[in-house]
């Protein structure tokens, strides 16, 4: 597999007929950044913020500008 850190990182969730994608400009993310993206995706899908915080912690900042609803 070619290691191209310049290509974007995308995480997509299809949930109840809705497709939500979060994209970062490059693929060079830390594991903490990936968890932050996953948390943002869960919140965008409508999961309860208190439940998501309970499961994943609440030490992350959400960049709402990276969330796209399709």
PDB file of N, CA and C in Angstrom:
ATOM      1  N   UNK A   1       0.839  -1.171   0.000  1.00  0.00           N
ATOM      2  CA  UNK A   1       0.000   0.000   0.000  1.00  0.00           C
ATOM      3  C   UNK A   1       0.889   1.241   0.000  1.00  0.00           C
ATOM      4  N   UNK A   2       0.571   2.175  -0.881  1.00  0.00           N
ATOM      5  CA  UNK A   2       1.337   3.409  -0.991  1.00  0.00           C
ATOM      6  C   UNK A   2       1.029   4.321   0.189  1.00  0.00           C
ATOM      7  N   UNK A   3       2.036   4.872   0.812  1.00  0.00           N
ATOM      8  CA  UNK A   3       1.877   5.756   1.956  1.00  0.00           C
ATOM      9  C   UNK A   3       1.861   7.200   1.468  1.00  0.00           C
ATOM     10  N   UNK A   4       0.673   7.747   1.266  1.00  0.00           N
ATOM     11  CA  UNK A   4       0.525   9.110   0.776  1.00  0.00           C
ATOM     12  C   UNK A   4      -0.129   9.962   1.856  1.00  0.00           C
ATOM     13  N   UNK A   5       0.690  10.618   2.675  1.00  0.00           N
ATOM     14  CA  UNK A   5       0.176  11.422   3.779  1.00  0.00           C
ATOM     15  C   UNK A   5      -0.502  12.694   3.304  1.00  0.00           C
ATOM     16  N   UNK A   6      -0.296  13.068   2.054  1.00  0.00           N
ATOM     17  CA  UNK A   6      -0.883  14.289   1.506  1.00  0.00           C
ATOM     18  C   UNK A   6      -2.342  14.090   1.096  1.00  0.00           C
ATOM     19  N   UNK A   7      -2.774  12.851   0.912  1.00  0.00           N
ATOM     20  CA  UNK A   7      -4.155  12.628   0.509  1.00  0.00           C
ATOM     21  C   UNK A   7      -5.083  12.874   1.697  1.00  0.00           C
ATOM     22  N   UNK A   8      -6.331  13.273   1.434  1.00  0.00           N
ATOM     23  CA  UNK A   8      -7.232  13.586   2.541  1.00  0.00           C
ATOM     24  C   UNK A   8      -7.660  12.350   3.333  1.00  0.00           C
ATOM     25  N   UNK A   9      -8.010  12.569   4.578  1.00  0.00           N
ATOM     26  CA  UNK A   9      -8.578  11.544   5.447  1.00  0.00           C
ATOM     27  C   UNK A   9     -10.086  11.777   5.456  1.00  0.00           C
ATOM     28  N   UNK A  10     -10.859  10.746   5.157  1.00  0.00           N
ATOM     29  CA  UNK A  10     -12.318  10.848   5.160  1.00  0.00           C
ATOM     30  C   UNK A  10     -12.911   9.730   5.996  1.00  0.00           C
ATOM     31  N   UNK A  11     -13.890  10.099   6.793  1.00  0.00           N
ATOM     32  CA  UNK A  11     -14.648   9.114   7.557  1.00  0.00           C
ATOM     33  C   UNK A  11     -16.123   9.387   7.266  1.00  0.00           C
ATOM     34  N   UNK A  12     -16.845   8.360   6.815  1.00  0.00           N
ATOM     35  CA  UNK A  12     -18.239   8.510   6.422  1.00  0.00           C
ATOM     36  C   UNK A  12     -19.110   7.549   7.208  1.00  0.00           C
ATOM     37  N   UNK A  13     -20.263   8.047   7.621  1.00  0.00           N
ATOM     38  CA  UNK A  13     -21.247   7.233   8.335  1.00  0.00           C
ATOM     39  C   UNK A  13     -22.565   7.313   7.567  1.00  0.00           C
ATOM     40  N   UNK A  14     -23.146   6.164   7.262  1.00  0.00           N
ATOM     41  CA  UNK A  14     -24.492   6.107   6.700  1.00  0.00           C
ATOM     42  C   UNK A  14     -25.389   5.585   7.805  1.00  0.00           C
ATOM     43  N   UNK A  15     -26.378   6.410   8.170  1.00  0.00           N
ATOM     44  CA  UNK A  15     -27.185   6.133   9.361  1.00  0.00           C
ATOM     45  C   UNK A  15     -28.602   6.626   9.104  1.00  0.00           C
ATOM     46  N   UNK A  16     -29.577   5.733   9.172  1.00  0.00           N
ATOM     47  CA  UNK A  16     -30.982   6.084   8.934  1.00  0.00           C
ATOM     48  C   UNK A  16     -31.171   6.844   7.629  1.00  0.00           C
ATOM     49  N   UNK A  17     -30.541   6.387   6.571  1.00  0.00           N
ATOM     50  CA  UNK A  17     -30.720   6.980   5.253  1.00  0.00           C
ATOM     51  C   UNK A  17     -29.967   8.272   5.017  1.00  0.00           C
ATOM     52  N   UNK A  18     -29.166   8.689   5.964  1.00  0.00           N
ATOM     53  CA  UNK A  18     -28.385   9.918   5.842  1.00  0.00           C
ATOM     54  C   UNK A  18     -26.904   9.553   5.781  1.00  0.00           C
ATOM     55  N   UNK A  19     -26.185  10.265   4.940  1.00  0.00           N
ATOM     56  CA  UNK A  19     -24.745  10.030   4.797  1.00  0.00           C
ATOM     57  C   UNK A  19     -24.013  11.267   5.313  1.00  0.00           C
ATOM     58  N   UNK A  20     -23.134  11.058   6.277  1.00  0.00           N
ATOM     59  CA  UNK A  20     -22.364  12.150   6.887  1.00  0.00           C
ATOM     60  C   UNK A  20     -20.889  11.856   6.689  1.00  0.00           C
ATOM     61  N   UNK A  21     -20.147  12.844   6.188  1.00  0.00           N
ATOM     62  CA  UNK A  21     -18.718  12.678   5.935  1.00  0.00           C
ATOM     63  C   UNK A  21     -17.949  13.789   6.627  1.00  0.00           C
ATOM     64  N   UNK A  22     -16.860  13.410   7.262  1.00  0.00           N
ATOM     65  CA  UNK A  22     -15.917  14.385   7.815  1.00  0.00           C
ATOM     66  C   UNK A  22     -14.598  14.172   7.094  1.00  0.00           C
ATOM     67  N   UNK A  23     -14.019  15.261   6.634  1.00  0.00           N
ATOM     68  CA  UNK A  23     -12.774  15.183   5.869  1.00  0.00           C
ATOM     69  C   UNK A  23     -11.720  16.087   6.495  1.00  0.00           C
ATOM     70  N   UNK A  24     -10.536  15.551   6.619  1.00  0.00           N
ATOM     71  CA  UNK A  24      -9.364  16.316   7.043  1.00  0.00           C
ATOM     72  C   UNK A  24      -8.465  16.476   5.826  1.00  0.00           C
ATOM     73  N   UNK A  25      -7.673  17.543   5.744  1.00  0.00           N
ATOM     74  CA  UNK A  25      -6.883  17.818   4.543  1.00  0.00           C
ATOM     75  C   UNK A  25      -5.820  16.771   4.210  1.00  0.00           C
ATOM     76  N   UNK A  26      -5.296  16.082   5.220  1.00  0.00           N
ATOM     77  CA  UNK A  26      -4.290  15.056   4.922  1.00  0.00           C
ATOM     78  C   UNK A  26      -4.486  13.853   5.839  1.00  0.00           C
ATOM     79  N   UNK A  27      -3.793  12.781   5.523  1.00  0.00           N
ATOM     80  CA  UNK A  27      -3.976  11.521   6.246  1.00  0.00           C
ATOM     81  C   UNK A  27      -3.049  11.340   7.436  1.00  0.00           C
ATOM     82  N   UNK A  28      -2.251  12.315   7.726  1.00  0.00           N
ATOM     83  CA  UNK A  28      -1.267  12.216   8.809  1.00  0.00           C
ATOM     84  C   UNK A  28      -1.909  12.586  10.147  1.00  0.00           C
ATOM     85  N   UNK A  29      -2.866  11.776  10.586  1.00  0.00           N
ATOM     86  CA  UNK A  29      -3.572  12.035  11.839  1.00  0.00           C
ATOM     87  C   UNK A  29      -3.038  11.147  12.950  1.00  0.00           C
ATOM     88  N   UNK A  30      -3.063  11.666  14.145  1.00  0.00           N
ATOM     89  CA  UNK A  30      -2.731  10.862  15.316  1.00  0.00           C
ATOM     90  C   UNK A  30      -3.966  10.053  15.703  1.00  0.00           C
ATOM     91  N   UNK A  31      -3.797   9.083  16.557  1.00  0.00           N
ATOM     92  CA  UNK A  31      -4.946   8.297  17.005  1.00  0.00           C
ATOM     93  C   UNK A  31      -5.938   9.183  17.754  1.00  0.00           C
ATOM     94  N   UNK A  32      -5.462  10.165  18.488  1.00  0.00           N
ATOM     95  CA  UNK A  32      -6.338  11.101  19.193  1.00  0.00           C
ATOM     96  C   UNK A  32      -7.175  11.901  18.206  1.00  0.00           C
ATOM     97  N   UNK A  33      -6.578  12.341  17.105  1.00  0.00           N
ATOM     98  CA  UNK A  33      -7.318  13.083  16.087  1.00  0.00           C
ATOM     99  C   UNK A  33      -8.382  12.217  15.421  1.00  0.00           C
ATOM    100  N   UNK A  34      -8.083  10.942  15.214  1.00  0.00           N
ATOM    101  CA  UNK A  34      -9.069  10.036  14.619  1.00  0.00           C
ATOM    102  C   UNK A  34     -10.251   9.859  15.568  1.00  0.00           C
ATOM    103  N   UNK A  35      -9.997   9.729  16.859  1.00  0.00           N
ATOM    104  CA  UNK A  35     -11.078   9.623  17.842  1.00  0.00           C
ATOM    105  C   UNK A  35     -11.907  10.901  17.832  1.00  0.00           C
ATOM    106  N   UNK A  36     -11.268  12.061  17.715  1.00  0.00           N
ATOM    107  CA  UNK A  36     -11.978  13.339  17.656  1.00  0.00           C
ATOM    108  C   UNK A  36     -12.899  13.390  16.424  1.00  0.00           C
ATOM    109  N   UNK A  37     -12.413  12.919  15.295  1.00  0.00           N
ATOM    110  CA  UNK A  37     -13.226  12.885  14.074  1.00  0.00           C
ATOM    111  C   UNK A  37     -14.412  11.939  14.281  1.00  0.00           C
ATOM    112  N   UNK A  38     -14.173  10.776  14.860  1.00  0.00           N
ATOM    113  CA  UNK A  38     -15.238   9.812  15.106  1.00  0.00           C
ATOM    114  C   UNK A  38     -16.288  10.400  16.052  1.00  0.00           C
ATOM    115  N   UNK A  39     -15.844  11.094  17.075  1.00  0.00           N
ATOM    116  CA  UNK A  39     -16.759  11.736  18.023  1.00  0.00           C
ATOM    117  C   UNK A  39     -17.613  12.777  17.304  1.00  0.00           C
ATOM    118  N   UNK A  40     -16.993  13.587  16.469  1.00  0.00           N
ATOM    119  CA  UNK A  40     -17.724  14.597  15.702  1.00  0.00           C
ATOM    120  C   UNK A  40     -18.764  13.939  14.803  1.00  0.00           C
ATOM    121  N   UNK A  41     -18.405  12.826  14.211  1.00  0.00           N
ATOM    122  CA  UNK A  41     -19.311  12.093  13.329  1.00  0.00           C
ATOM    123  C   UNK A  41     -20.521  11.581  14.107  1.00  0.00           C
ATOM    124  N   UNK A  42     -20.291  11.059  15.291  1.00  0.00           N
ATOM    125  CA  UNK A  42     -21.385  10.567  16.120  1.00  0.00           C
ATOM    126  C   UNK A  42     -22.338  11.701  16.512  1.00  0.00           C
ATOM    127  N   UNK A  43     -21.785  12.844  16.863  1.00  0.00           N
ATOM    128  CA  UNK A  43     -22.620  13.987  17.222  1.00  0.00           C
ATOM    129  C   UNK A  43     -23.406  14.488  16.019  1.00  0.00           C
ATOM    130  N   UNK A  44     -22.766  14.537  14.860  1.00  0.00           N
ATOM    131  CA  UNK A  44     -23.445  14.974  13.635  1.00  0.00           C
ATOM    132  C   UNK A  44     -24.581  14.031  13.271  1.00  0.00           C
ATOM    133  N   UNK A  45     -24.453  12.759  13.624  1.00  0.00           N
ATOM    134  CA  UNK A  45     -25.488  11.767  13.331  1.00  0.00           C
ATOM    135  C   UNK A  45     -26.654  11.851  14.314  1.00  0.00           C
ATOM    136  N   UNK A  46     -26.499  12.655  15.354  1.00  0.00           N
ATOM    137  CA  UNK A  46     -27.592  12.859  16.291  1.00  0.00           C
ATOM    138  C   UNK A  46     -27.501  12.083  17.581  1.00  0.00           C
ATOM    139  N   UNK A  47     -26.389  11.409  17.798  1.00  0.00           N
ATOM    140  CA  UNK A  47     -26.222  10.727  19.082  1.00  0.00           C
ATOM    141  C   UNK A  47     -26.136  11.766  20.193  1.00  0.00           C
ATOM    142  N   UNK A  48     -26.616  11.422  21.349  1.00  0.00           N
ATOM    143  CA  UNK A  48     -26.627  12.319  22.499  1.00  0.00           C
ATOM    144  C   UNK A  48     -25.208  12.725  22.895  1.00  0.00           C
ATOM    145  N   UNK A  49     -24.989  14.039  23.034  1.00  0.00           N
ATOM    146  CA  UNK A  49     -23.662  14.538  23.411  1.00  0.00           C
ATOM    147  C   UNK A  49     -23.229  13.985  24.760  1.00  0.00           C
ATOM    148  N   UNK A  50     -24.157  13.876  25.699  1.00  0.00           N
ATOM    149  CA  UNK A  50     -23.773  13.359  27.020  1.00  0.00           C
ATOM    150  C   UNK A  50     -23.363  11.892  26.928  1.00  0.00           C
ATOM    151  N   UNK A  51     -24.051  11.131  26.096  1.00  0.00           N
ATOM    152  CA  UNK A  51     -23.708   9.708  25.936  1.00  0.00           C
ATOM    153  C   UNK A  51     -22.375   9.540  25.204  1.00  0.00           C
ATOM    154  N   UNK A  52     -22.164  10.350  24.156  1.00  0.00           N
ATOM    155  CA  UNK A  52     -20.894  10.303  23.420  1.00  0.00           C
ATOM    156  C   UNK A  52     -19.751  10.702  24.345  1.00  0.00           C
ATOM    157  N   UNK A  53     -19.946  11.746  25.135  1.00  0.00           N
ATOM    158  CA  UNK A  53     -18.916  12.169  26.088  1.00  0.00           C
ATOM    159  C   UNK A  53     -18.627  11.078  27.116  1.00  0.00           C
ATOM    160  N   UNK A  54     -19.666  10.386  27.548  1.00  0.00           N
ATOM    161  CA  UNK A  54     -19.492   9.296  28.508  1.00  0.00           C
ATOM    162  C   UNK A  54     -18.664   8.158  27.906  1.00  0.00           C
ATOM    163  N   UNK A  55     -18.946   7.841  26.646  1.00  0.00           N
ATOM    164  CA  UNK A  55     -18.264   6.737  25.979  1.00  0.00           C
ATOM    165  C   UNK A  55     -16.841   7.090  25.532  1.00  0.00           C
ATOM    166  N   UNK A  56     -16.671   8.301  25.001  1.00  0.00           N
ATOM    167  CA  UNK A  56     -15.384   8.668  24.396  1.00  0.00           C
ATOM    168  C   UNK A  56     -14.611   9.737  25.164  1.00  0.00           C
ATOM    169  N   UNK A  57     -15.208  10.313  26.184  1.00  0.00           N
ATOM    170  CA  UNK A  57     -14.574  11.414  26.881  1.00  0.00           C
ATOM    171  C   UNK A  57     -14.989  12.735  26.248  1.00  0.00           C
ATOM    172  N   UNK A  58     -14.698  13.821  26.914  1.00  0.00           N
ATOM    173  CA  UNK A  58     -15.138  15.131  26.419  1.00  0.00           C
ATOM    174  C   UNK A  58     -13.984  16.107  26.282  1.00  0.00           C
ATOM    175  N   UNK A  59     -12.787  15.610  26.093  1.00  0.00           N
ATOM    176  CA  UNK A  59     -11.612  16.468  26.013  1.00  0.00           C
ATOM    177  C   UNK A  59     -11.301  16.939  24.595  1.00  0.00           C
ATOM    178  N   UNK A  60     -12.266  16.829  23.682  1.00  0.00           N
ATOM    179  CA  UNK A  60     -12.002  17.136  22.283  1.00  0.00           C
ATOM    180  C   UNK A  60     -12.728  18.389  21.845  1.00  0.00           C
ATOM    181  N   UNK A  61     -12.138  19.105  20.888  1.00  0.00           N
ATOM    182  CA  UNK A  61     -12.778  20.247  20.252  1.00  0.00           C
ATOM    183  C   UNK A  61     -13.407  19.773  18.952  1.00  0.00           C
ATOM    184  N   UNK A  62     -14.605  20.246  18.686  1.00  0.00           N
ATOM    185  CA  UNK A  62     -15.311  19.873  17.460  1.00  0.00           C
ATOM    186  C   UNK A  62     -15.123  20.970  16.424  1.00  0.00           C
ATOM    187  N   UNK A  63     -14.680  20.592  15.233  1.00  0.00           N
ATOM    188  CA  UNK A  63     -14.557  21.530  14.125  1.00  0.00           C
ATOM    189  C   UNK A  63     -15.755  21.302  13.210  1.00  0.00           C
ATOM    190  N   UNK A  64     -16.859  22.024  13.491  1.00  0.00           N
ATOM    191  CA  UNK A  64     -18.111  21.817  12.768  1.00  0.00           C
ATOM    192  C   UNK A  64     -17.957  22.090  11.274  1.00  0.00           C
ATOM    193  N   UNK A  65     -16.985  22.890  10.871  1.00  0.00           N
ATOM    194  CA  UNK A  65     -16.795  23.202   9.475  1.00  0.00           C
ATOM    195  C   UNK A  65     -16.344  22.005   8.655  1.00  0.00           C
ATOM    196  N   UNK A  66     -15.908  20.946   9.293  1.00  0.00           N
ATOM    197  CA  UNK A  66     -15.444  19.770   8.568  1.00  0.00           C
ATOM    198  C   UNK A  66     -16.539  18.738   8.359  1.00  0.00           C
ATOM    199  N   UNK A  67     -17.728  19.004   8.909  1.00  0.00           N
ATOM    200  CA  UNK A  67     -18.812  18.039   8.801  1.00  0.00           C
ATOM    201  C   UNK A  67     -19.656  18.362   7.575  1.00  0.00           C
ATOM    202  N   UNK A  68     -19.860  17.359   6.734  1.00  0.00           N
ATOM    203  CA  UNK A  68     -20.693  17.526   5.542  1.00  0.00           C
ATOM    204  C   UNK A  68     -21.852  16.549   5.621  1.00  0.00           C
ATOM    205  N   UNK A  69     -23.042  17.040   5.436  1.00  0.00           N
ATOM    206  CA  UNK A  69     -24.216  16.162   5.339  1.00  0.00           C
ATOM    207  C   UNK A  69     -24.509  15.971   3.866  1.00  0.00           C
ATOM    208  N   UNK A  70     -24.690  14.715   3.450  1.00  0.00           N
ATOM    209  CA  UNK A  70     -24.929  14.417   2.037  1.00  0.00           C
ATOM    210  C   UNK A  70     -26.395  14.070   1.850  1.00  0.00           C
TER     211      UNK A  70
END
